[in-house]
Amino acid sequence: RFTISADPDKNTLYLQMNNLKSTDTAVYYCHARV
């Protein structure tokens, strides 16, 4: 249902979320480990 992707040239991380359910209701956080 979900797909993570990144565009390093744009310094951007994405999360495509399809077929969302009520149980997906939440606060979503981006995390980086360097």
PDB file of all heavy atoms in Angstrom:
ATOM      1  N   ARG A   1       0.824  -1.224   0.000  1.00  0.00           N
ATOM      2  CA  ARG A   1       0.000   0.000   0.000  1.00  0.00           C
ATOM      3  C   ARG A   1       0.851   1.264   0.000  1.00  0.00           C
ATOM      4  O   ARG A   1       0.479   2.260  -0.617  1.00  0.00           O
ATOM      5  CB  ARG A   1      -0.917   0.022   1.226  1.00  0.00           C
ATOM      6  CG  ARG A   1      -1.889  -1.127   1.300  1.00  0.00           C
ATOM      7  CD  ARG A   1      -2.937  -0.901   2.392  1.00  0.00           C
ATOM      8  NE  ARG A   1      -2.347  -0.775   3.716  1.00  0.00           N
ATOM      9  CZ  ARG A   1      -2.524   0.276   4.527  1.00  0.00           C
ATOM     10  NH1 ARG A   1      -3.269   1.294   4.136  1.00  0.00           N
ATOM     11  NH2 ARG A   1      -1.962   0.297   5.722  1.00  0.00           N
ATOM     12  N   PHE A   2       1.981   1.231   0.702  1.00  0.00           N
ATOM     13  CA  PHE A   2       2.841   2.417   0.827  1.00  0.00           C
ATOM     14  C   PHE A   2       4.139   2.189   0.056  1.00  0.00           C
ATOM     15  O   PHE A   2       4.652   1.065   0.008  1.00  0.00           O
ATOM     16  CB  PHE A   2       3.190   2.683   2.289  1.00  0.00           C
ATOM     17  CG  PHE A   2       2.049   3.153   3.149  1.00  0.00           C
ATOM     18  CD1 PHE A   2       0.737   3.134   2.699  1.00  0.00           C
ATOM     19  CD2 PHE A   2       2.295   3.601   4.441  1.00  0.00           C
ATOM     20  CE1 PHE A   2      -0.308   3.565   3.507  1.00  0.00           C
ATOM     21  CE2 PHE A   2       1.263   4.035   5.257  1.00  0.00           C
ATOM     22  CZ  PHE A   2      -0.037   4.014   4.788  1.00  0.00           C
ATOM     23  N   THR A   3       4.667   3.276  -0.499  1.00  0.00           N
ATOM     24  CA  THR A   3       5.945   3.205  -1.210  1.00  0.00           C
ATOM     25  C   THR A   3       6.831   4.356  -0.757  1.00  0.00           C
ATOM     26  O   THR A   3       6.417   5.517  -0.838  1.00  0.00           O
ATOM     27  CB  THR A   3       5.736   3.296  -2.729  1.00  0.00           C
ATOM     28  OG1 THR A   3       4.867   2.238  -3.158  1.00  0.00           O
ATOM     29  CG2 THR A   3       7.064   3.160  -3.456  1.00  0.00           C
ATOM     30  N   ILE A   4       8.035   4.019  -0.305  1.00  0.00           N
ATOM     31  CA  ILE A   4       9.007   5.038   0.082  1.00  0.00           C
ATOM     32  C   ILE A   4       9.959   5.258  -1.084  1.00  0.00           C
ATOM     33  O   ILE A   4      10.338   4.320  -1.791  1.00  0.00           O
ATOM     34  CB  ILE A   4       9.772   4.609   1.359  1.00  0.00           C
ATOM     35  CG1 ILE A   4      10.629   5.758   1.891  1.00  0.00           C
ATOM     36  CG2 ILE A   4      10.604   3.359   1.119  1.00  0.00           C
ATOM     37  CD1 ILE A   4      11.233   5.473   3.268  1.00  0.00           C
ATOM     38  N   SER A   5      10.315   6.523  -1.290  1.00  0.00           N
ATOM     39  CA  SER A   5      11.270   6.851  -2.343  1.00  0.00           C
ATOM     40  C   SER A   5      12.015   8.119  -1.945  1.00  0.00           C
ATOM     41  O   SER A   5      11.606   8.820  -1.019  1.00  0.00           O
ATOM     42  CB  SER A   5      10.572   7.036  -3.691  1.00  0.00           C
ATOM     43  OG  SER A   5       9.649   8.101  -3.630  1.00  0.00           O
ATOM     44  N   ALA A   6      13.099   8.382  -2.651  1.00  0.00           N
ATOM     45  CA  ALA A   6      13.898   9.563  -2.338  1.00  0.00           C
ATOM     46  C   ALA A   6      14.425  10.192  -3.617  1.00  0.00           C
ATOM     47  O   ALA A   6      14.691   9.484  -4.601  1.00  0.00           O
ATOM     48  CB  ALA A   6      15.053   9.190  -1.412  1.00  0.00           C
ATOM     49  N   ASP A   7      14.560  11.495  -3.600  1.00  0.00           N
ATOM     50  CA  ASP A   7      15.174  12.235  -4.690  1.00  0.00           C
ATOM     51  C   ASP A   7      16.355  13.002  -4.100  1.00  0.00           C
ATOM     52  O   ASP A   7      16.170  14.103  -3.564  1.00  0.00           O
ATOM     53  CB  ASP A   7      14.171  13.195  -5.325  1.00  0.00           C
ATOM     54  CG  ASP A   7      14.736  13.862  -6.567  1.00  0.00           C
ATOM     55  OD1 ASP A   7      15.973  13.952  -6.698  1.00  0.00           O
ATOM     56  OD2 ASP A   7      13.933  14.329  -7.388  1.00  0.00           O
ATOM     57  N   PRO A   8      17.557  12.431  -4.167  1.00  0.00           N
ATOM     58  CA  PRO A   8      18.712  13.090  -3.548  1.00  0.00           C
ATOM     59  C   PRO A   8      19.000  14.470  -4.130  1.00  0.00           C
ATOM     60  O   PRO A   8      19.470  15.349  -3.404  1.00  0.00           O
ATOM     61  CB  PRO A   8      19.864  12.121  -3.829  1.00  0.00           C
ATOM     62  CG  PRO A   8      19.211  10.800  -4.014  1.00  0.00           C
ATOM     63  CD  PRO A   8      17.893  11.104  -4.684  1.00  0.00           C
ATOM     64  N   ASP A   9      18.712  14.668  -5.393  1.00  0.00           N
ATOM     65  CA  ASP A   9      18.980  15.972  -5.999  1.00  0.00           C
ATOM     66  C   ASP A   9      18.083  17.065  -5.418  1.00  0.00           C
ATOM     67  O   ASP A   9      18.439  18.241  -5.432  1.00  0.00           O
ATOM     68  CB  ASP A   9      18.808  15.908  -7.507  1.00  0.00           C
ATOM     69  CG  ASP A   9      19.857  15.016  -8.168  1.00  0.00           C
ATOM     70  OD1 ASP A   9      20.964  14.895  -7.592  1.00  0.00           O
ATOM     71  OD2 ASP A   9      19.564  14.440  -9.230  1.00  0.00           O
ATOM     72  N   LYS A  10      16.912  16.662  -4.930  1.00  0.00           N
ATOM     73  CA  LYS A  10      15.975  17.617  -4.327  1.00  0.00           C
ATOM     74  C   LYS A  10      15.994  17.551  -2.797  1.00  0.00           C
ATOM     75  O   LYS A  10      15.197  18.222  -2.139  1.00  0.00           O
ATOM     76  CB  LYS A  10      14.557  17.356  -4.827  1.00  0.00           C
ATOM     77  CG  LYS A  10      14.369  17.599  -6.312  1.00  0.00           C
ATOM     78  CD  LYS A  10      12.917  17.380  -6.719  1.00  0.00           C
ATOM     79  CE  LYS A  10      12.713  17.677  -8.191  1.00  0.00           C
ATOM     80  NZ  LYS A  10      11.310  17.450  -8.612  1.00  0.00           N
ATOM     81  N   ASN A  11      16.869  16.712  -2.243  1.00  0.00           N
ATOM     82  CA  ASN A  11      16.949  16.535  -0.776  1.00  0.00           C
ATOM     83  C   ASN A  11      15.583  16.185  -0.203  1.00  0.00           C
ATOM     84  O   ASN A  11      15.205  16.673   0.879  1.00  0.00           O
ATOM     85  CB  ASN A  11      17.462  17.810  -0.102  1.00  0.00           C
ATOM     86  CG  ASN A  11      18.852  18.173  -0.549  1.00  0.00           C
ATOM     87  OD1 ASN A  11      19.621  17.309  -0.953  1.00  0.00           O
ATOM     88  ND2 ASN A  11      19.176  19.448  -0.514  1.00  0.00           N
ATOM     89  N   THR A  12      14.823  15.356  -0.904  1.00  0.00           N
ATOM     90  CA  THR A  12      13.437  15.086  -0.517  1.00  0.00           C
ATOM     91  C   THR A  12      13.171  13.590  -0.426  1.00  0.00           C
ATOM     92  O   THR A  12      13.563  12.823  -1.312  1.00  0.00           O
ATOM     93  CB  THR A  12      12.460  15.728  -1.503  1.00  0.00           C
ATOM     94  OG1 THR A  12      12.724  17.136  -1.577  1.00  0.00           O
ATOM     95  CG2 THR A  12      11.024  15.531  -1.051  1.00  0.00           C
ATOM     96  N   LEU A  13      12.473  13.233   0.634  1.00  0.00           N
ATOM     97  CA  LEU A  13      11.998  11.870   0.867  1.00  0.00           C
ATOM     98  C   LEU A  13      10.491  11.871   0.680  1.00  0.00           C
ATOM     99  O   LEU A  13       9.817  12.841   1.041  1.00  0.00           O
ATOM    100  CB  LEU A  13      12.341  11.444   2.293  1.00  0.00           C
ATOM    101  CG  LEU A  13      11.906  10.062   2.741  1.00  0.00           C
ATOM    102  CD1 LEU A  13      12.764   8.987   2.081  1.00  0.00           C
ATOM    103  CD2 LEU A  13      11.988   9.950   4.261  1.00  0.00           C
ATOM    104  N   TYR A  14       9.963  10.792   0.109  1.00  0.00           N
ATOM    105  CA  TYR A  14       8.525  10.696  -0.141  1.00  0.00           C
ATOM    106  C   TYR A  14       7.952   9.437   0.497  1.00  0.00           C
ATOM    107  O   TYR A  14       8.659   8.444   0.706  1.00  0.00           O
ATOM    108  CB  TYR A  14       8.247  10.641  -1.642  1.00  0.00           C
ATOM    109  CG  TYR A  14       8.752  11.823  -2.413  1.00  0.00           C
ATOM    110  CD1 TYR A  14       9.943  11.751  -3.136  1.00  0.00           C
ATOM    111  CD2 TYR A  14       8.047  13.020  -2.427  1.00  0.00           C
ATOM    112  CE1 TYR A  14      10.425  12.827  -3.841  1.00  0.00           C
ATOM    113  CE2 TYR A  14       8.519  14.113  -3.144  1.00  0.00           C
ATOM    114  CZ  TYR A  14       9.705  14.008  -3.850  1.00  0.00           C
ATOM    115  OH  TYR A  14      10.180  15.086  -4.548  1.00  0.00           O
ATOM    116  N   LEU A  15       6.657   9.499   0.777  1.00  0.00           N
ATOM    117  CA  LEU A  15       5.908   8.302   1.135  1.00  0.00           C
ATOM    118  C   LEU A  15       4.582   8.372   0.394  1.00  0.00           C
ATOM    119  O   LEU A  15       3.731   9.200   0.728  1.00  0.00           O
ATOM    120  CB  LEU A  15       5.677   8.205   2.642  1.00  0.00           C
ATOM    121  CG  LEU A  15       4.994   6.904   3.081  1.00  0.00           C
ATOM    122  CD1 LEU A  15       5.934   5.714   2.874  1.00  0.00           C
ATOM    123  CD2 LEU A  15       4.569   6.981   4.555  1.00  0.00           C
ATOM    124  N   GLN A  16       4.433   7.537  -0.618  1.00  0.00           N
ATOM    125  CA  GLN A  16       3.166   7.422  -1.330  1.00  0.00           C
ATOM    126  C   GLN A  16       2.300   6.439  -0.577  1.00  0.00           C
ATOM    127  O   GLN A  16       2.696   5.286  -0.377  1.00  0.00           O
ATOM    128  CB  GLN A  16       3.402   6.945  -2.762  1.00  0.00           C
ATOM    129  CG  GLN A  16       2.128   6.739  -3.557  1.00  0.00           C
ATOM    130  CD  GLN A  16       1.387   8.033  -3.812  1.00  0.00           C
ATOM    131  OE1 GLN A  16       1.994   9.041  -4.152  1.00  0.00           O
ATOM    132  NE2 GLN A  16       0.075   8.008  -3.642  1.00  0.00           N
ATOM    133  N   MET A  17       1.128   6.886  -0.162  1.00  0.00           N
ATOM    134  CA  MET A  17       0.234   6.064   0.636  1.00  0.00           C
ATOM    135  C   MET A  17      -1.059   5.854  -0.147  1.00  0.00           C
ATOM    136  O   MET A  17      -1.778   6.816  -0.427  1.00  0.00           O
ATOM    137  CB  MET A  17      -0.063   6.744   1.970  1.00  0.00           C
ATOM    138  CG  MET A  17       1.200   7.093   2.756  1.00  0.00           C
ATOM    139  SD  MET A  17       0.852   7.684   4.421  1.00  0.00           S
ATOM    140  CE  MET A  17      -0.021   9.197   4.055  1.00  0.00           C
ATOM    141  N   ASN A  18      -1.348   4.614  -0.479  1.00  0.00           N
ATOM    142  CA  ASN A  18      -2.558   4.263  -1.220  1.00  0.00           C
ATOM    143  C   ASN A  18      -3.454   3.367  -0.368  1.00  0.00           C
ATOM    144  O   ASN A  18      -2.997   2.754   0.604  1.00  0.00           O
ATOM    145  CB  ASN A  18      -2.196   3.537  -2.509  1.00  0.00           C
ATOM    146  CG  ASN A  18      -1.378   4.391  -3.448  1.00  0.00           C
ATOM    147  OD1 ASN A  18      -1.543   5.609  -3.507  1.00  0.00           O
ATOM    148  ND2 ASN A  18      -0.495   3.755  -4.208  1.00  0.00           N
ATOM    149  N   ASN A  19      -4.715   3.304  -0.768  1.00  0.00           N
ATOM    150  CA  ASN A  19      -5.679   2.446  -0.063  1.00  0.00           C
ATOM    151  C   ASN A  19      -5.614   2.680   1.446  1.00  0.00           C
ATOM    152  O   ASN A  19      -5.504   1.738   2.238  1.00  0.00           O
ATOM    153  CB  ASN A  19      -5.423   0.977  -0.398  1.00  0.00           C
ATOM    154  CG  ASN A  19      -6.531   0.071   0.081  1.00  0.00           C
ATOM    155  OD1 ASN A  19      -7.657   0.511   0.283  1.00  0.00           O
ATOM    156  ND2 ASN A  19      -6.206  -1.199   0.275  1.00  0.00           N
ATOM    157  N   LEU A  20      -5.717   3.938   1.817  1.00  0.00           N
ATOM    158  CA  LEU A  20      -5.599   4.282   3.232  1.00  0.00           C
ATOM    159  C   LEU A  20      -6.760   3.722   4.038  1.00  0.00           C
ATOM    160  O   LEU A  20      -7.903   3.634   3.548  1.00  0.00           O
ATOM    161  CB  LEU A  20      -5.515   5.802   3.391  1.00  0.00           C
ATOM    162  CG  LEU A  20      -4.133   6.377   3.052  1.00  0.00           C
ATOM    163  CD1 LEU A  20      -4.225   7.860   2.745  1.00  0.00           C
ATOM    164  CD2 LEU A  20      -3.164   6.117   4.198  1.00  0.00           C
ATOM    165  N   LYS A  21      -6.443   3.361   5.281  1.00  0.00           N
ATOM    166  CA  LYS A  21      -7.425   2.801   6.201  1.00  0.00           C
ATOM    167  C   LYS A  21      -7.530   3.707   7.429  1.00  0.00           C
ATOM    168  O   LYS A  21      -6.621   4.486   7.712  1.00  0.00           O
ATOM    169  CB  LYS A  21      -6.979   1.400   6.647  1.00  0.00           C
ATOM    170  CG  LYS A  21      -6.693   0.436   5.510  1.00  0.00           C
ATOM    171  CD  LYS A  21      -6.149  -0.878   6.039  1.00  0.00           C
ATOM    172  CE  LYS A  21      -5.832  -1.839   4.900  1.00  0.00           C
ATOM    173  NZ  LYS A  21      -5.305  -3.130   5.403  1.00  0.00           N
ATOM    174  N   SER A  22      -8.609   3.526   8.166  1.00  0.00           N
ATOM    175  CA  SER A  22      -8.793   4.347   9.365  1.00  0.00           C
ATOM    176  C   SER A  22      -7.648   4.119  10.363  1.00  0.00           C
ATOM    177  O   SER A  22      -7.266   5.035  11.097  1.00  0.00           O
ATOM    178  CB  SER A  22     -10.133   4.048  10.016  1.00  0.00           C
ATOM    179  OG  SER A  22     -10.231   2.677  10.363  1.00  0.00           O
ATOM    180  N   THR A  23      -7.090   2.910  10.354  1.00  0.00           N
ATOM    181  CA  THR A  23      -5.982   2.597  11.268  1.00  0.00           C
ATOM    182  C   THR A  23      -4.680   3.281  10.871  1.00  0.00           C
ATOM    183  O   THR A  23      -3.695   3.206  11.623  1.00  0.00           O
ATOM    184  CB  THR A  23      -5.748   1.087  11.324  1.00  0.00           C
ATOM    185  OG1 THR A  23      -5.651   0.581   9.982  1.00  0.00           O
ATOM    186  CG2 THR A  23      -6.883   0.372  12.044  1.00  0.00           C
ATOM    187  N   ASP A  24      -4.654   3.931   9.694  1.00  0.00           N
ATOM    188  CA  ASP A  24      -3.478   4.701   9.286  1.00  0.00           C
ATOM    189  C   ASP A  24      -3.493   6.112   9.875  1.00  0.00           C
ATOM    190  O   ASP A  24      -2.525   6.865   9.707  1.00  0.00           O
ATOM    191  CB  ASP A  24      -3.403   4.795   7.764  1.00  0.00           C
ATOM    192  CG  ASP A  24      -3.206   3.452   7.098  1.00  0.00           C
ATOM    193  OD1 ASP A  24      -2.422   2.629   7.623  1.00  0.00           O
ATOM    194  OD2 ASP A  24      -3.847   3.214   6.047  1.00  0.00           O
ATOM    195  N   THR A  25      -4.593   6.472  10.529  1.00  0.00           N
ATOM    196  CA  THR A  25      -4.675   7.798  11.142  1.00  0.00           C
ATOM    197  C   THR A  25      -3.594   7.942  12.210  1.00  0.00           C
ATOM    198  O   THR A  25      -3.525   7.139  13.149  1.00  0.00           O
ATOM    199  CB  THR A  25      -6.060   8.011  11.773  1.00  0.00           C
ATOM    200  OG1 THR A  25      -7.038   8.018  10.736  1.00  0.00           O
ATOM    201  CG2 THR A  25      -6.116   9.310  12.548  1.00  0.00           C
ATOM    202  N   ALA A  26      -2.742   8.964  12.046  1.00  0.00           N
ATOM    203  CA  ALA A  26      -1.591   9.125  12.930  1.00  0.00           C
ATOM    204  C   ALA A  26      -0.840  10.385  12.546  1.00  0.00           C
ATOM    205  O   ALA A  26      -1.138  11.020  11.529  1.00  0.00           O
ATOM    206  CB  ALA A  26      -0.651   7.927  12.802  1.00  0.00           C
ATOM    207  N   VAL A  27       0.153  10.705  13.356  1.00  0.00           N
ATOM    208  CA  VAL A  27       1.143  11.705  12.970  1.00  0.00           C
ATOM    209  C   VAL A  27       2.315  10.953  12.348  1.00  0.00           C
ATOM    210  O   VAL A  27       2.810   9.983  12.927  1.00  0.00           O
ATOM    211  CB  VAL A  27       1.622  12.529  14.172  1.00  0.00           C
ATOM    212  CG1 VAL A  27       2.689  13.528  13.729  1.00  0.00           C
ATOM    213  CG2 VAL A  27       0.448  13.255  14.817  1.00  0.00           C
ATOM    214  N   TYR A  28       2.738  11.403  11.164  1.00  0.00           N
ATOM    215  CA  TYR A  28       3.811  10.744  10.423  1.00  0.00           C
ATOM    216  C   TYR A  28       5.083  11.570  10.529  1.00  0.00           C
ATOM    217  O   TYR A  28       5.060  12.785  10.303  1.00  0.00           O
ATOM    218  CB  TYR A  28       3.403  10.578   8.961  1.00  0.00           C
ATOM    219  CG  TYR A  28       2.391   9.465   8.780  1.00  0.00           C
ATOM    220  CD1 TYR A  28       1.079   9.613   9.240  1.00  0.00           C
ATOM    221  CD2 TYR A  28       2.747   8.260   8.185  1.00  0.00           C
ATOM    222  CE1 TYR A  28       0.164   8.589   9.112  1.00  0.00           C
ATOM    223  CE2 TYR A  28       1.830   7.233   8.045  1.00  0.00           C
ATOM    224  CZ  TYR A  28       0.539   7.414   8.516  1.00  0.00           C
ATOM    225  OH  TYR A  28      -0.375   6.389   8.385  1.00  0.00           O
ATOM    226  N   TYR A  29       6.179  10.881  10.856  1.00  0.00           N
ATOM    227  CA  TYR A  29       7.461  11.539  11.084  1.00  0.00           C
ATOM    228  C   TYR A  29       8.509  11.034  10.097  1.00  0.00           C
ATOM    229  O   TYR A  29       8.595   9.834   9.811  1.00  0.00           O
ATOM    230  CB  TYR A  29       7.969  11.265  12.494  1.00  0.00           C
ATOM    231  CG  TYR A  29       7.119  11.849  13.584  1.00  0.00           C
ATOM    232  CD1 TYR A  29       6.101  11.113  14.164  1.00  0.00           C
ATOM    233  CD2 TYR A  29       7.350  13.143  14.044  1.00  0.00           C
ATOM    234  CE1 TYR A  29       5.318  11.641  15.161  1.00  0.00           C
ATOM    235  CE2 TYR A  29       6.571  13.682  15.056  1.00  0.00           C
ATOM    236  CZ  TYR A  29       5.562  12.926  15.607  1.00  0.00           C
ATOM    237  OH  TYR A  29       4.786  13.465  16.610  1.00  0.00           O
ATOM    238  N   CYS A  30       9.321  11.938   9.654  1.00  0.00           N
ATOM    239  CA  CYS A  30      10.484  11.636   8.833  1.00  0.00           C
ATOM    240  C   CYS A  30      11.694  11.471   9.765  1.00  0.00           C
ATOM    241  O   CYS A  30      11.844  12.235  10.733  1.00  0.00           O
ATOM    242  CB  CYS A  30      10.697  12.813   7.873  1.00  0.00           C
ATOM    243  SG  CYS A  30      12.155  12.731   6.851  1.00  0.00           S
ATOM    244  N   HIS A  31      12.526  10.486   9.482  1.00  0.00           N
ATOM    245  CA  HIS A  31      13.701  10.218  10.314  1.00  0.00           C
ATOM    246  C   HIS A  31      14.910  10.006   9.421  1.00  0.00           C
ATOM    247  O   HIS A  31      14.804   9.359   8.364  1.00  0.00           O
ATOM    248  CB  HIS A  31      13.462   8.969  11.161  1.00  0.00           C
ATOM    249  CG  HIS A  31      14.666   8.467  11.883  1.00  0.00           C
ATOM    250  ND1 HIS A  31      15.486   7.491  11.377  1.00  0.00           N
ATOM    251  CD2 HIS A  31      15.200   8.830  13.081  1.00  0.00           C
ATOM    252  CE1 HIS A  31      16.468   7.248  12.226  1.00  0.00           C
ATOM    253  NE2 HIS A  31      16.313   8.053  13.268  1.00  0.00           N
ATOM    254  N   ALA A  32      16.032  10.541   9.870  1.00  0.00           N
ATOM    255  CA  ALA A  32      17.298  10.334   9.172  1.00  0.00           C
ATOM    256  C   ALA A  32      18.338   9.823  10.158  1.00  0.00           C
ATOM    257  O   ALA A  32      18.469  10.345  11.258  1.00  0.00           O
ATOM    258  CB  ALA A  32      17.785  11.633   8.540  1.00  0.00           C
ATOM    259  N   ARG A  33      19.053   8.788   9.744  1.00  0.00           N
ATOM    260  CA  ARG A  33      20.196   8.326  10.518  1.00  0.00           C
ATOM    261  C   ARG A  33      21.455   8.581   9.693  1.00  0.00           C
ATOM    262  O   ARG A  33      21.616   8.012   8.598  1.00  0.00           O
ATOM    263  CB  ARG A  33      20.093   6.852  10.862  1.00  0.00           C
ATOM    264  CG  ARG A  33      21.373   6.315  11.507  1.00  0.00           C
ATOM    265  CD  ARG A  33      21.136   5.082  12.321  1.00  0.00           C
ATOM    266  NE  ARG A  33      20.446   5.396  13.565  1.00  0.00           N
ATOM    267  CZ  ARG A  33      20.051   4.477  14.439  1.00  0.00           C
ATOM    268  NH1 ARG A  33      20.268   3.205  14.192  1.00  0.00           N
ATOM    269  NH2 ARG A  33      19.452   4.820  15.542  1.00  0.00           N
ATOM    270  N   VAL A  34      22.301   9.443  10.214  1.00  0.00           N
ATOM    271  CA  VAL A  34      23.548   9.789   9.551  1.00  0.00           C
ATOM    272  C   VAL A  34      24.675   9.372  10.475  1.00  0.00           C
ATOM    273  O   VAL A  34      24.851   9.987  11.542  1.00  0.00           O
ATOM    274  CB  VAL A  34      23.630  11.298   9.241  1.00  0.00           C
ATOM    275  CG1 VAL A  34      24.917  11.598   8.487  1.00  0.00           C
ATOM    276  CG2 VAL A  34      22.418  11.758   8.450  1.00  0.00           C
TER     277      VAL A  34
END
